[in-house]
């Protein structure tokens, strides 16, 4: 795994922990490759999953786009 990708995945994981905390969810497991990530989290039944997933994608997509272009944040 390239070092830049590793750093990007660590940053995404930290951001996900904070973001899921705001939704009162817990990140259970996180992993990823150059073209995708795996996220396992616990959520209360009252959490709107479609809104949560949309929020996660909105926050993490710019980071992934910069990674693909080779500009590490």
PDB file of N, CA and C in Angstrom:
ATOM      1  N   UNK A   1       0.848  -1.176   0.000  1.00  0.00           N
ATOM      2  CA  UNK A   1       0.000   0.000   0.000  1.00  0.00           C
ATOM      3  C   UNK A   1       0.892   1.236   0.000  1.00  0.00           C
ATOM      4  N   UNK A   2       0.554   2.171  -0.841  1.00  0.00           N
ATOM      5  CA  UNK A   2       1.326   3.405  -0.895  1.00  0.00           C
ATOM      6  C   UNK A   2       1.154   4.193   0.393  1.00  0.00           C
ATOM      7  N   UNK A   3       2.214   4.896   0.779  1.00  0.00           N
ATOM      8  CA  UNK A   3       2.205   5.661   2.017  1.00  0.00           C
ATOM      9  C   UNK A   3       1.108   6.727   2.005  1.00  0.00           C
ATOM     10  N   UNK A   4       0.934   7.437   0.898  1.00  0.00           N
ATOM     11  CA  UNK A   4      -0.096   8.478   0.801  1.00  0.00           C
ATOM     12  C   UNK A   4      -1.496   7.918   0.984  1.00  0.00           C
ATOM     13  N   UNK A   5      -1.732   6.749   0.404  1.00  0.00           N
ATOM     14  CA  UNK A   5      -3.035   6.096   0.563  1.00  0.00           C
ATOM     15  C   UNK A   5      -3.254   5.722   2.021  1.00  0.00           C
ATOM     16  N   UNK A   6      -2.228   5.201   2.670  1.00  0.00           N
ATOM     17  CA  UNK A   6      -2.321   4.820   4.081  1.00  0.00           C
ATOM     18  C   UNK A   6      -2.685   6.034   4.936  1.00  0.00           C
ATOM     19  N   UNK A   7      -2.021   7.161   4.705  1.00  0.00           N
ATOM     20  CA  UNK A   7      -2.304   8.389   5.461  1.00  0.00           C
ATOM     21  C   UNK A   7      -3.733   8.852   5.199  1.00  0.00           C
ATOM     22  N   UNK A   8      -4.174   8.786   3.948  1.00  0.00           N
ATOM     23  CA  UNK A   8      -5.541   9.197   3.612  1.00  0.00           C
ATOM     24  C   UNK A   8      -6.559   8.310   4.320  1.00  0.00           C
ATOM     25  N   UNK A   9      -6.323   7.001   4.358  1.00  0.00           N
ATOM     26  CA  UNK A   9      -7.248   6.094   5.041  1.00  0.00           C
ATOM     27  C   UNK A   9      -7.298   6.385   6.541  1.00  0.00           C
ATOM     28  N   UNK A  10      -6.164   6.705   7.134  1.00  0.00           N
ATOM     29  CA  UNK A  10      -6.150   7.053   8.556  1.00  0.00           C
ATOM     30  C   UNK A  10      -6.972   8.315   8.793  1.00  0.00           C
ATOM     31  N   UNK A  11      -6.811   9.300   7.933  1.00  0.00           N
ATOM     32  CA  UNK A  11      -7.576  10.546   8.088  1.00  0.00           C
ATOM     33  C   UNK A  11      -9.071  10.310   7.911  1.00  0.00           C
ATOM     34  N   UNK A  12      -9.425   9.510   6.918  1.00  0.00           N
ATOM     35  CA  UNK A  12     -10.841   9.191   6.710  1.00  0.00           C
ATOM     36  C   UNK A  12     -11.403   8.478   7.934  1.00  0.00           C
ATOM     37  N   UNK A  13     -10.637   7.553   8.494  1.00  0.00           N
ATOM     38  CA  UNK A  13     -11.105   6.835   9.689  1.00  0.00           C
ATOM     39  C   UNK A  13     -11.344   7.793  10.855  1.00  0.00           C
ATOM     40  N   UNK A  14     -10.424   8.720  11.079  1.00  0.00           N
ATOM     41  CA  UNK A  14     -10.590   9.683  12.171  1.00  0.00           C
ATOM     42  C   UNK A  14     -11.806  10.572  11.944  1.00  0.00           C
ATOM     43  N   UNK A  15     -11.987  11.014  10.722  1.00  0.00           N
ATOM     44  CA  UNK A  15     -13.148  11.852  10.401  1.00  0.00           C
ATOM     45  C   UNK A  15     -14.436  11.062  10.573  1.00  0.00           C
ATOM     46  N   UNK A  16     -14.443   9.802  10.154  1.00  0.00           N
ATOM     47  CA  UNK A  16     -15.630   8.958  10.315  1.00  0.00           C
ATOM     48  C   UNK A  16     -15.991   8.771  11.781  1.00  0.00           C
ATOM     49  N   UNK A  17     -14.993   8.580  12.632  1.00  0.00           N
ATOM     50  CA  UNK A  17     -15.265   8.430  14.062  1.00  0.00           C
ATOM     51  C   UNK A  17     -15.963   9.675  14.606  1.00  0.00           C
ATOM     52  N   UNK A  18     -15.466  10.837  14.220  1.00  0.00           N
ATOM     53  CA  UNK A  18     -16.086  12.089  14.675  1.00  0.00           C
ATOM     54  C   UNK A  18     -17.485  12.254  14.099  1.00  0.00           C
ATOM     55  N   UNK A  19     -17.621  12.006  12.813  1.00  0.00           N
ATOM     56  CA  UNK A  19     -18.910  12.168  12.146  1.00  0.00           C
ATOM     57  C   UNK A  19     -19.953  11.210  12.712  1.00  0.00           C
ATOM     58  N   UNK A  20     -19.577   9.946  12.877  1.00  0.00           N
ATOM     59  CA  UNK A  20     -20.517   8.973  13.421  1.00  0.00           C
ATOM     60  C   UNK A  20     -20.881   9.306  14.859  1.00  0.00           C
ATOM     61  N   UNK A  21     -19.944   9.873  15.605  1.00  0.00           N
ATOM     62  CA  UNK A  21     -20.228  10.304  16.970  1.00  0.00           C
ATOM     63  C   UNK A  21     -21.324  11.355  17.013  1.00  0.00           C
ATOM     64  N   UNK A  22     -21.325  12.247  16.023  1.00  0.00           N
ATOM     65  CA  UNK A  22     -22.372  13.274  15.947  1.00  0.00           C
ATOM     66  C   UNK A  22     -23.742  12.651  15.679  1.00  0.00           C
ATOM     67  N   UNK A  23     -23.740  11.517  15.023  1.00  0.00           N
ATOM     68  CA  UNK A  23     -24.986  10.798  14.740  1.00  0.00           C
ATOM     69  C   UNK A  23     -25.302   9.795  15.846  1.00  0.00           C
ATOM     70  N   UNK A  24     -24.506   9.806  16.918  1.00  0.00           N
ATOM     71  CA  UNK A  24     -24.646   8.866  18.032  1.00  0.00           C
ATOM     72  C   UNK A  24     -24.495   7.418  17.577  1.00  0.00           C
ATOM     73  N   UNK A  25     -23.514   7.206  16.677  1.00  0.00           N
ATOM     74  CA  UNK A  25     -23.171   5.887  16.174  1.00  0.00           C
ATOM     75  C   UNK A  25     -21.724   5.594  16.553  1.00  0.00           C
ATOM     76  N   UNK A  26     -21.358   4.328  16.512  1.00  0.00           N
ATOM     77  CA  UNK A  26     -19.995   3.917  16.834  1.00  0.00           C
ATOM     78  C   UNK A  26     -19.368   3.211  15.643  1.00  0.00           C
ATOM     79  N   UNK A  27     -18.145   3.612  15.306  1.00  0.00           N
ATOM     80  CA  UNK A  27     -17.392   2.923  14.265  1.00  0.00           C
ATOM     81  C   UNK A  27     -16.829   1.644  14.868  1.00  0.00           C
ATOM     82  N   UNK A  28     -17.200   0.505  14.300  1.00  0.00           N
ATOM     83  CA  UNK A  28     -16.761  -0.797  14.809  1.00  0.00           C
ATOM     84  C   UNK A  28     -15.500  -1.244  14.073  1.00  0.00           C
ATOM     85  N   UNK A  29     -15.506  -1.091  12.755  1.00  0.00           N
ATOM     86  CA  UNK A  29     -14.368  -1.545  11.957  1.00  0.00           C
ATOM     87  C   UNK A  29     -14.268  -0.703  10.693  1.00  0.00           C
ATOM     88  N   UNK A  30     -13.037  -0.434  10.272  1.00  0.00           N
ATOM     89  CA  UNK A  30     -12.798   0.367   9.075  1.00  0.00           C
ATOM     90  C   UNK A  30     -11.598  -0.196   8.338  1.00  0.00           C
ATOM     91  N   UNK A  31     -11.680  -0.236   7.029  1.00  0.00           N
ATOM     92  CA  UNK A  31     -10.567  -0.671   6.201  1.00  0.00           C
ATOM     93  C   UNK A  31     -10.790  -0.186   4.785  1.00  0.00           C
ATOM     94  N   UNK A  32      -9.760  -0.251   3.966  1.00  0.00           N
ATOM     95  CA  UNK A  32      -9.943   0.223   2.610  1.00  0.00           C
ATOM     96  C   UNK A  32      -8.810  -0.127   1.687  1.00  0.00           C
ATOM     97  N   UNK A  33      -9.063   0.092   0.429  1.00  0.00           N
ATOM     98  CA  UNK A  33      -8.097  -0.093  -0.652  1.00  0.00           C
ATOM     99  C   UNK A  33      -8.059   1.209  -1.440  1.00  0.00           C
ATOM    100  N   UNK A  34      -7.362   1.195  -2.543  1.00  0.00           N
ATOM    101  CA  UNK A  34      -7.221   2.407  -3.349  1.00  0.00           C
ATOM    102  C   UNK A  34      -8.551   2.865  -3.948  1.00  0.00           C
ATOM    103  N   UNK A  35      -9.469   1.932  -4.189  1.00  0.00           N
ATOM    104  CA  UNK A  35     -10.703   2.306  -4.876  1.00  0.00           C
ATOM    105  C   UNK A  35     -11.977   2.143  -4.049  1.00  0.00           C
ATOM    106  N   UNK A  36     -11.863   1.748  -2.777  1.00  0.00           N
ATOM    107  CA  UNK A  36     -13.065   1.605  -1.958  1.00  0.00           C
ATOM    108  C   UNK A  36     -12.695   1.480  -0.482  1.00  0.00           C
ATOM    109  N   UNK A  37     -13.699   1.660   0.367  1.00  0.00           N
ATOM    110  CA  UNK A  37     -13.516   1.458   1.806  1.00  0.00           C
ATOM    111  C   UNK A  37     -14.625   0.562   2.332  1.00  0.00           C
ATOM    112  N   UNK A  38     -14.364  -0.047   3.482  1.00  0.00           N
ATOM    113  CA  UNK A  38     -15.354  -0.851   4.189  1.00  0.00           C
ATOM    114  C   UNK A  38     -15.590  -0.189   5.536  1.00  0.00           C
ATOM    115  N   UNK A  39     -16.848   0.041   5.852  1.00  0.00           N
ATOM    116  CA  UNK A  39     -17.204   0.688   7.114  1.00  0.00           C
ATOM    117  C   UNK A  39     -18.247  -0.171   7.812  1.00  0.00           C
ATOM    118  N   UNK A  40     -17.950  -0.556   9.042  1.00  0.00           N
ATOM    119  CA  UNK A  40     -18.906  -1.276   9.873  1.00  0.00           C
ATOM    120  C   UNK A  40     -19.169  -0.408  11.087  1.00  0.00           C
ATOM    121  N   UNK A  41     -20.438  -0.071  11.307  1.00  0.00           N
ATOM    122  CA  UNK A  41     -20.770   0.785  12.440  1.00  0.00           C
ATOM    123  C   UNK A  41     -22.057   0.322  13.096  1.00  0.00           C
ATOM    124  N   UNK A  42     -22.218   0.730  14.356  1.00  0.00           N
ATOM    125  CA  UNK A  42     -23.450   0.453  15.095  1.00  0.00           C
ATOM    126  C   UNK A  42     -24.267   1.731  15.133  1.00  0.00           C
ATOM    127  N   UNK A  43     -25.559   1.587  14.881  1.00  0.00           N
ATOM    128  CA  UNK A  43     -26.449   2.748  14.877  1.00  0.00           C
ATOM    129  C   UNK A  43     -27.736   2.403  15.616  1.00  0.00           C
ATOM    130  N   UNK A  44     -28.311   3.398  16.257  1.00  0.00           N
ATOM    131  CA  UNK A  44     -29.608   3.238  16.911  1.00  0.00           C
ATOM    132  C   UNK A  44     -30.662   3.087  15.819  1.00  0.00           C
ATOM    133  N   UNK A  45     -31.715   2.308  16.069  1.00  0.00           N
ATOM    134  CA  UNK A  45     -32.758   2.115  15.053  1.00  0.00           C
ATOM    135  C   UNK A  45     -33.417   3.411  14.579  1.00  0.00           C
ATOM    136  N   UNK A  46     -33.344   4.457  15.373  1.00  0.00           N
ATOM    137  CA  UNK A  46     -33.993   5.707  14.976  1.00  0.00           C
ATOM    138  C   UNK A  46     -33.147   6.546  14.009  1.00  0.00           C
ATOM    139  N   UNK A  47     -31.902   6.134  13.770  1.00  0.00           N
ATOM    140  CA  UNK A  47     -31.021   6.873  12.855  1.00  0.00           C
ATOM    141  C   UNK A  47     -31.490   6.657  11.423  1.00  0.00           C
ATOM    142  N   UNK A  48     -31.634   7.743  10.690  1.00  0.00           N
ATOM    143  CA  UNK A  48     -31.994   7.661   9.276  1.00  0.00           C
ATOM    144  C   UNK A  48     -30.769   7.242   8.469  1.00  0.00           C
ATOM    145  N   UNK A  49     -30.689   5.959   8.111  1.00  0.00           N
ATOM    146  CA  UNK A  49     -29.494   5.434   7.462  1.00  0.00           C
ATOM    147  C   UNK A  49     -29.197   6.111   6.127  1.00  0.00           C
ATOM    148  N   UNK A  50     -30.211   6.418   5.341  1.00  0.00           N
ATOM    149  CA  UNK A  50     -29.945   7.047   4.043  1.00  0.00           C
ATOM    150  C   UNK A  50     -29.332   8.434   4.236  1.00  0.00           C
ATOM    151  N   UNK A  51     -29.792   9.163   5.239  1.00  0.00           N
ATOM    152  CA  UNK A  51     -29.219  10.483   5.517  1.00  0.00           C
ATOM    153  C   UNK A  51     -27.798  10.359   6.046  1.00  0.00           C
ATOM    154  N   UNK A  52     -27.561   9.368   6.892  1.00  0.00           N
ATOM    155  CA  UNK A  52     -26.222   9.146   7.435  1.00  0.00           C
ATOM    156  C   UNK A  52     -25.250   8.772   6.325  1.00  0.00           C
ATOM    157  N   UNK A  53     -25.623   7.836   5.469  1.00  0.00           N
ATOM    158  CA  UNK A  53     -24.749   7.405   4.375  1.00  0.00           C
ATOM    159  C   UNK A  53     -24.464   8.573   3.431  1.00  0.00           C
ATOM    160  N   UNK A  54     -25.483   9.366   3.130  1.00  0.00           N
ATOM    161  CA  UNK A  54     -25.291  10.538   2.279  1.00  0.00           C
ATOM    162  C   UNK A  54     -24.301  11.499   2.921  1.00  0.00           C
ATOM    163  N   UNK A  55     -24.411  11.717   4.220  1.00  0.00           N
ATOM    164  CA  UNK A  55     -23.504  12.599   4.940  1.00  0.00           C
ATOM    165  C   UNK A  55     -22.075  12.057   4.904  1.00  0.00           C
ATOM    166  N   UNK A  56     -21.915  10.767   5.118  1.00  0.00           N
ATOM    167  CA  UNK A  56     -20.587  10.145   5.075  1.00  0.00           C
ATOM    168  C   UNK A  56     -19.968  10.312   3.684  1.00  0.00           C
ATOM    169  N   UNK A  57     -20.741  10.060   2.643  1.00  0.00           N
ATOM    170  CA  UNK A  57     -20.226  10.186   1.280  1.00  0.00           C
ATOM    171  C   UNK A  57     -19.871  11.636   0.959  1.00  0.00           C
ATOM    172  N   UNK A  58     -20.689  12.579   1.427  1.00  0.00           N
ATOM    173  CA  UNK A  58     -20.422  13.991   1.180  1.00  0.00           C
ATOM    174  C   UNK A  58     -19.122  14.439   1.827  1.00  0.00           C
ATOM    175  N   UNK A  59     -18.851  13.945   3.016  1.00  0.00           N
ATOM    176  CA  UNK A  59     -17.653  14.340   3.751  1.00  0.00           C
ATOM    177  C   UNK A  59     -16.402  13.648   3.211  1.00  0.00           C
ATOM    178  N   UNK A  60     -16.495  12.377   2.840  1.00  0.00           N
ATOM    179  CA  UNK A  60     -15.301  11.620   2.465  1.00  0.00           C
ATOM    180  C   UNK A  60     -14.962  11.664   0.981  1.00  0.00           C
ATOM    181  N   UNK A  61     -15.908  11.951   0.118  1.00  0.00           N
ATOM    182  CA  UNK A  61     -15.638  11.956  -1.326  1.00  0.00           C
ATOM    183  C   UNK A  61     -14.546  12.947  -1.725  1.00  0.00           C
ATOM    184  N   UNK A  62     -14.549  14.177  -1.213  1.00  0.00           N
ATOM    185  CA  UNK A  62     -13.453  15.091  -1.599  1.00  0.00           C
ATOM    186  C   UNK A  62     -12.071  14.550  -1.233  1.00  0.00           C
ATOM    187  N   UNK A  63     -11.955  13.873  -0.112  1.00  0.00           N
ATOM    188  CA  UNK A  63     -10.665  13.298   0.282  1.00  0.00           C
ATOM    189  C   UNK A  63     -10.244  12.209  -0.695  1.00  0.00           C
ATOM    190  N   UNK A  64     -11.184  11.373  -1.082  1.00  0.00           N
ATOM    191  CA  UNK A  64     -10.883  10.284  -2.012  1.00  0.00           C
ATOM    192  C   UNK A  64     -10.531  10.843  -3.387  1.00  0.00           C
ATOM    193  N   UNK A  65     -11.204  11.893  -3.809  1.00  0.00           N
ATOM    194  CA  UNK A  65     -10.929  12.515  -5.102  1.00  0.00           C
ATOM    195  C   UNK A  65      -9.518  13.085  -5.132  1.00  0.00           C
ATOM    196  N   UNK A  66      -9.116  13.741  -4.061  1.00  0.00           N
ATOM    197  CA  UNK A  66      -7.749  14.276  -3.990  1.00  0.00           C
ATOM    198  C   UNK A  66      -6.728  13.156  -4.018  1.00  0.00           C
ATOM    199  N   UNK A  67      -7.048  12.032  -3.373  1.00  0.00           N
ATOM    200  CA  UNK A  67      -6.143  10.884  -3.368  1.00  0.00           C
ATOM    201  C   UNK A  67      -5.928  10.372  -4.781  1.00  0.00           C
ATOM    202  N   UNK A  68      -6.999  10.268  -5.554  1.00  0.00           N
ATOM    203  CA  UNK A  68      -6.903   9.759  -6.914  1.00  0.00           C
ATOM    204  C   UNK A  68      -6.063  10.692  -7.777  1.00  0.00           C
ATOM    205  N   UNK A  69      -6.207  11.987  -7.555  1.00  0.00           N
ATOM    206  CA  UNK A  69      -5.442  12.970  -8.334  1.00  0.00           C
ATOM    207  C   UNK A  69      -3.993  13.072  -7.875  1.00  0.00           C
ATOM    208  N   UNK A  70      -3.670  12.433  -6.759  1.00  0.00           N
ATOM    209  CA  UNK A  70      -2.310  12.451  -6.278  1.00  0.00           C
ATOM    210  C   UNK A  70      -1.991  13.600  -5.344  1.00  0.00           C
ATOM    211  N   UNK A  71      -2.993  14.367  -4.958  1.00  0.00           N
ATOM    212  CA  UNK A  71      -2.786  15.488  -4.024  1.00  0.00           C
ATOM    213  C   UNK A  71      -3.221  15.032  -2.649  1.00  0.00           C
ATOM    214  N   UNK A  72      -2.305  14.764  -1.794  1.00  0.00           N
ATOM    215  CA  UNK A  72      -2.611  14.238  -0.478  1.00  0.00           C
ATOM    216  C   UNK A  72      -2.944  15.361   0.483  1.00  0.00           C
ATOM    217  N   UNK A  73      -3.999  15.172   1.256  1.00  0.00           N
ATOM    218  CA  UNK A  73      -4.385  16.203   2.222  1.00  0.00           C
ATOM    219  C   UNK A  73      -3.964  15.798   3.599  1.00  0.00           C
TER     220      UNK A  73
END
